[in-house]
Amino acid sequence: MTRIHLRWPDGEVYAELHDTLTTRALMQALPLCARANIWGDEVYFDTGIAVELEEDARQVVDPGTVCFWVEGKSLALPYGPTPMSQGNECRLVSDVNILGQLEEDARILASICAGDEVRVQSA
């Protein structure tokens, strides 16, 4: 299992990632820093990585799932409902590649503000 560490001004979190083509591309790009965007209860940020949609991609995920939004070349970290959600589900804007899961409670992501610098590195 591959692990990453994400850090921002008011917090940090670790995640375990599955061995996927997208995970491999991400690990080759680390370390990286990007400015956070917020969409409902989802944090996402550009990685500059271009990958294809994987076979198990989906739009609705559990809170704390580490996702990759192919069209936006972005890591997407949902921790609650988004503007597209039905009820309390985490529904992303489109199908996303599933990379893994945060090790801590996903609600810690609520401490990330739009524009915060998020640093991602191998753990």
C-alpha atoms as a PDB file:
ATOM      1  CA  MET A   1       0.000   0.000   0.000  1.00  0.00           C
ATOM      2  CA  THR A   2       1.280   3.441  -0.957  1.00  0.00           C
ATOM      3  CA  ARG A   3       0.861   6.356   1.478  1.00  0.00           C
ATOM      4  CA  ILE A   4       0.768  10.106   0.925  1.00  0.00           C
ATOM      5  CA  HIS A   5       0.858  13.043   3.339  1.00  0.00           C
ATOM      6  CA  LEU A   6      -1.215  16.167   2.657  1.00  0.00           C
ATOM      7  CA  ARG A   7      -0.511  19.363   4.581  1.00  0.00           C
ATOM      8  CA  TRP A   8      -2.158  22.818   4.562  1.00  0.00           C
ATOM      9  CA  PRO A   9      -1.938  25.852   6.876  1.00  0.00           C
ATOM     10  CA  ASP A  10      -4.423  24.517   9.475  1.00  0.00           C
ATOM     11  CA  GLY A  11      -3.950  20.763   9.287  1.00  0.00           C
ATOM     12  CA  GLU A  12      -2.617  17.596   7.771  1.00  0.00           C
ATOM     13  CA  VAL A  13      -3.816  14.135   6.854  1.00  0.00           C
ATOM     14  CA  TYR A  14      -2.420  10.840   5.595  1.00  0.00           C
ATOM     15  CA  ALA A  15      -3.982   8.585   2.977  1.00  0.00           C
ATOM     16  CA  GLU A  16      -3.455   5.015   1.813  1.00  0.00           C
ATOM     17  CA  LEU A  17      -3.579   4.581  -1.954  1.00  0.00           C
ATOM     18  CA  HIS A  18      -4.246   1.497  -4.060  1.00  0.00           C
ATOM     19  CA  ASP A  19      -1.830   0.478  -6.797  1.00  0.00           C
ATOM     20  CA  THR A  20      -3.487   1.992  -9.871  1.00  0.00           C
ATOM     21  CA  LEU A  21      -2.147   3.678 -12.987  1.00  0.00           C
ATOM     22  CA  THR A  22      -3.334   7.031 -11.640  1.00  0.00           C
ATOM     23  CA  THR A  23      -1.640   6.431  -8.272  1.00  0.00           C
ATOM     24  CA  ARG A  24       1.617   5.641 -10.059  1.00  0.00           C
ATOM     25  CA  ALA A  25       1.367   8.842 -12.116  1.00  0.00           C
ATOM     26  CA  LEU A  26       0.659  10.853  -8.954  1.00  0.00           C
ATOM     27  CA  MET A  27       3.596   9.337  -7.065  1.00  0.00           C
ATOM     28  CA  GLN A  28       5.950  10.242  -9.928  1.00  0.00           C
ATOM     29  CA  ALA A  29       4.768  13.864  -9.732  1.00  0.00           C
ATOM     30  CA  LEU A  30       5.353  14.223  -5.979  1.00  0.00           C
ATOM     31  CA  PRO A  31       6.078  16.361  -4.139  1.00  0.00           C
ATOM     32  CA  LEU A  32       3.613  18.960  -5.381  1.00  0.00           C
ATOM     33  CA  CYS A  33       1.966  22.123  -4.100  1.00  0.00           C
ATOM     34  CA  ALA A  34      -1.294  23.584  -5.349  1.00  0.00           C
ATOM     35  CA  ARG A  35      -3.961  26.080  -4.338  1.00  0.00           C
ATOM     36  CA  ALA A  36      -7.149  24.549  -2.964  1.00  0.00           C
ATOM     37  CA  ASN A  37     -10.558  24.979  -4.544  1.00  0.00           C
ATOM     38  CA  ILE A  38     -13.744  24.289  -2.584  1.00  0.00           C
ATOM     39  CA  TRP A  39     -16.984  22.907  -4.050  1.00  0.00           C
ATOM     40  CA  GLY A  40     -19.523  22.200  -1.341  1.00  0.00           C
ATOM     41  CA  ASP A  41     -17.869  19.729   1.046  1.00  0.00           C
ATOM     42  CA  GLU A  42     -15.139  18.817  -1.433  1.00  0.00           C
ATOM     43  CA  VAL A  43     -11.591  20.089  -1.731  1.00  0.00           C
ATOM     44  CA  TYR A  44      -9.869  19.769  -5.085  1.00  0.00           C
ATOM     45  CA  PHE A  45      -6.650  21.060  -6.576  1.00  0.00           C
ATOM     46  CA  ASP A  46      -4.740  20.838  -9.833  1.00  0.00           C
ATOM     47  CA  THR A  47      -1.902  18.324 -10.129  1.00  0.00           C
ATOM     48  CA  GLY A  48      -1.003  18.872 -13.784  1.00  0.00           C
ATOM     49  CA  ILE A  49      -1.216  15.090 -14.295  1.00  0.00           C
ATOM     50  CA  ALA A  50      -2.950  13.787 -17.409  1.00  0.00           C
ATOM     51  CA  VAL A  51      -4.468  10.294 -17.047  1.00  0.00           C
ATOM     52  CA  GLU A  52      -7.357   8.324 -18.520  1.00  0.00           C
ATOM     53  CA  LEU A  53     -10.567   7.383 -16.742  1.00  0.00           C
ATOM     54  CA  GLU A  54     -10.095   3.968 -15.120  1.00  0.00           C
ATOM     55  CA  GLU A  55     -12.505   1.032 -15.339  1.00  0.00           C
ATOM     56  CA  ASP A  56     -13.787   1.381 -11.749  1.00  0.00           C
ATOM     57  CA  ALA A  57     -14.355   5.150 -11.956  1.00  0.00           C
ATOM     58  CA  ARG A  58     -17.567   6.408 -10.349  1.00  0.00           C
ATOM     59  CA  GLN A  59     -19.328   9.619  -9.362  1.00  0.00           C
ATOM     60  CA  VAL A  60     -20.658   8.811  -5.851  1.00  0.00           C
ATOM     61  CA  VAL A  61     -18.044   7.913  -3.227  1.00  0.00           C
ATOM     62  CA  ASP A  62     -17.677   7.658   0.532  1.00  0.00           C
ATOM     63  CA  PRO A  63     -16.412  10.649   2.544  1.00  0.00           C
ATOM     64  CA  GLY A  64     -12.627  10.609   2.683  1.00  0.00           C
ATOM     65  CA  THR A  65     -12.155   8.784  -0.612  1.00  0.00           C
ATOM     66  CA  VAL A  66      -9.071  10.034  -2.445  1.00  0.00           C
ATOM     67  CA  CYS A  67     -10.296  10.668  -5.987  1.00  0.00           C
ATOM     68  CA  PHE A  68      -8.756  11.901  -9.211  1.00  0.00           C
ATOM     69  CA  TRP A  69     -10.889  14.140 -11.420  1.00  0.00           C
ATOM     70  CA  VAL A  70      -9.541  13.352 -14.892  1.00  0.00           C
ATOM     71  CA  GLU A  71     -11.027  16.360 -16.731  1.00  0.00           C
ATOM     72  CA  GLY A  72      -9.633  18.779 -14.142  1.00  0.00           C
ATOM     73  CA  LYS A  73      -6.284  16.983 -13.709  1.00  0.00           C
ATOM     74  CA  SER A  74      -7.057  17.317 -10.000  1.00  0.00           C
ATOM     75  CA  LEU A  75      -7.042  15.408  -6.764  1.00  0.00           C
ATOM     76  CA  ALA A  76     -10.564  15.577  -5.337  1.00  0.00           C
ATOM     77  CA  LEU A  77     -11.163  14.982  -1.633  1.00  0.00           C
ATOM     78  CA  PRO A  78     -14.866  14.864  -0.706  1.00  0.00           C
ATOM     79  CA  TYR A  79     -15.899  14.956   2.947  1.00  0.00           C
ATOM     80  CA  GLY A  80     -19.628  15.612   2.576  1.00  0.00           C
ATOM     81  CA  PRO A  81     -22.312  16.734   0.138  1.00  0.00           C
ATOM     82  CA  THR A  82     -21.524  18.787  -2.954  1.00  0.00           C
ATOM     83  CA  PRO A  83     -23.926  20.999  -4.940  1.00  0.00           C
ATOM     84  CA  MET A  84     -24.782  17.908  -7.061  1.00  0.00           C
ATOM     85  CA  SER A  85     -25.422  15.551  -4.133  1.00  0.00           C
ATOM     86  CA  GLN A  86     -28.755  13.933  -3.419  1.00  0.00           C
ATOM     87  CA  GLY A  87     -29.066  13.913   0.357  1.00  0.00           C
ATOM     88  CA  ASN A  88     -25.836  13.414   2.299  1.00  0.00           C
ATOM     89  CA  GLU A  89     -23.933  11.530  -0.417  1.00  0.00           C
ATOM     90  CA  CYS A  90     -20.575  12.677  -1.810  1.00  0.00           C
ATOM     91  CA  ARG A  91     -21.375  13.161  -5.504  1.00  0.00           C
ATOM     92  CA  LEU A  92     -18.595  14.588  -7.623  1.00  0.00           C
ATOM     93  CA  VAL A  93     -19.084  16.606 -10.805  1.00  0.00           C
ATOM     94  CA  SER A  94     -18.305  13.560 -12.981  1.00  0.00           C
ATOM     95  CA  ASP A  95     -16.877  10.059 -12.702  1.00  0.00           C
ATOM     96  CA  VAL A  96     -13.504  10.034 -10.932  1.00  0.00           C
ATOM     97  CA  ASN A  97     -10.682   7.536 -10.556  1.00  0.00           C
ATOM     98  CA  ILE A  98     -10.594   5.999  -7.086  1.00  0.00           C
ATOM     99  CA  LEU A  99      -7.101   6.132  -5.553  1.00  0.00           C
ATOM    100  CA  GLY A 100      -7.635   5.268  -1.898  1.00  0.00           C
ATOM    101  CA  GLN A 101      -8.869   6.512   1.475  1.00  0.00           C
ATOM    102  CA  LEU A 102      -7.869   9.059   4.110  1.00  0.00           C
ATOM    103  CA  GLU A 103      -6.588   7.486   7.326  1.00  0.00           C
ATOM    104  CA  GLU A 104      -8.191  10.157   9.532  1.00  0.00           C
ATOM    105  CA  ASP A 105     -11.751  11.494   9.785  1.00  0.00           C
ATOM    106  CA  ALA A 106     -12.533  13.200   6.465  1.00  0.00           C
ATOM    107  CA  ARG A 107     -14.105  16.197   8.252  1.00  0.00           C
ATOM    108  CA  ILE A 108     -10.587  17.508   8.926  1.00  0.00           C
ATOM    109  CA  LEU A 109     -10.698  18.673   5.289  1.00  0.00           C
ATOM    110  CA  ALA A 110     -13.227  21.340   6.320  1.00  0.00           C
ATOM    111  CA  SER A 111     -10.267  23.306   7.730  1.00  0.00           C
ATOM    112  CA  ILE A 112      -8.960  23.881   4.192  1.00  0.00           C
ATOM    113  CA  CYS A 113      -9.962  27.270   2.783  1.00  0.00           C
ATOM    114  CA  ALA A 114     -10.168  28.242  -0.881  1.00  0.00           C
ATOM    115  CA  GLY A 115      -6.734  29.437  -1.944  1.00  0.00           C
ATOM    116  CA  ASP A 116      -4.838  27.582   0.800  1.00  0.00           C
ATOM    117  CA  GLU A 117      -1.640  25.979  -0.396  1.00  0.00           C
ATOM    118  CA  VAL A 118      -1.886  22.180  -0.138  1.00  0.00           C
ATOM    119  CA  ARG A 119       1.389  20.246  -0.171  1.00  0.00           C
ATOM    120  CA  VAL A 120       1.300  16.571  -1.163  1.00  0.00           C
ATOM    121  CA  GLN A 121       4.264  14.261  -0.658  1.00  0.00           C
ATOM    122  CA  SER A 122       5.054  10.604  -0.303  1.00  0.00           C
ATOM    123  CA  ALA A 123       4.752   9.365   3.287  1.00  0.00           C
END
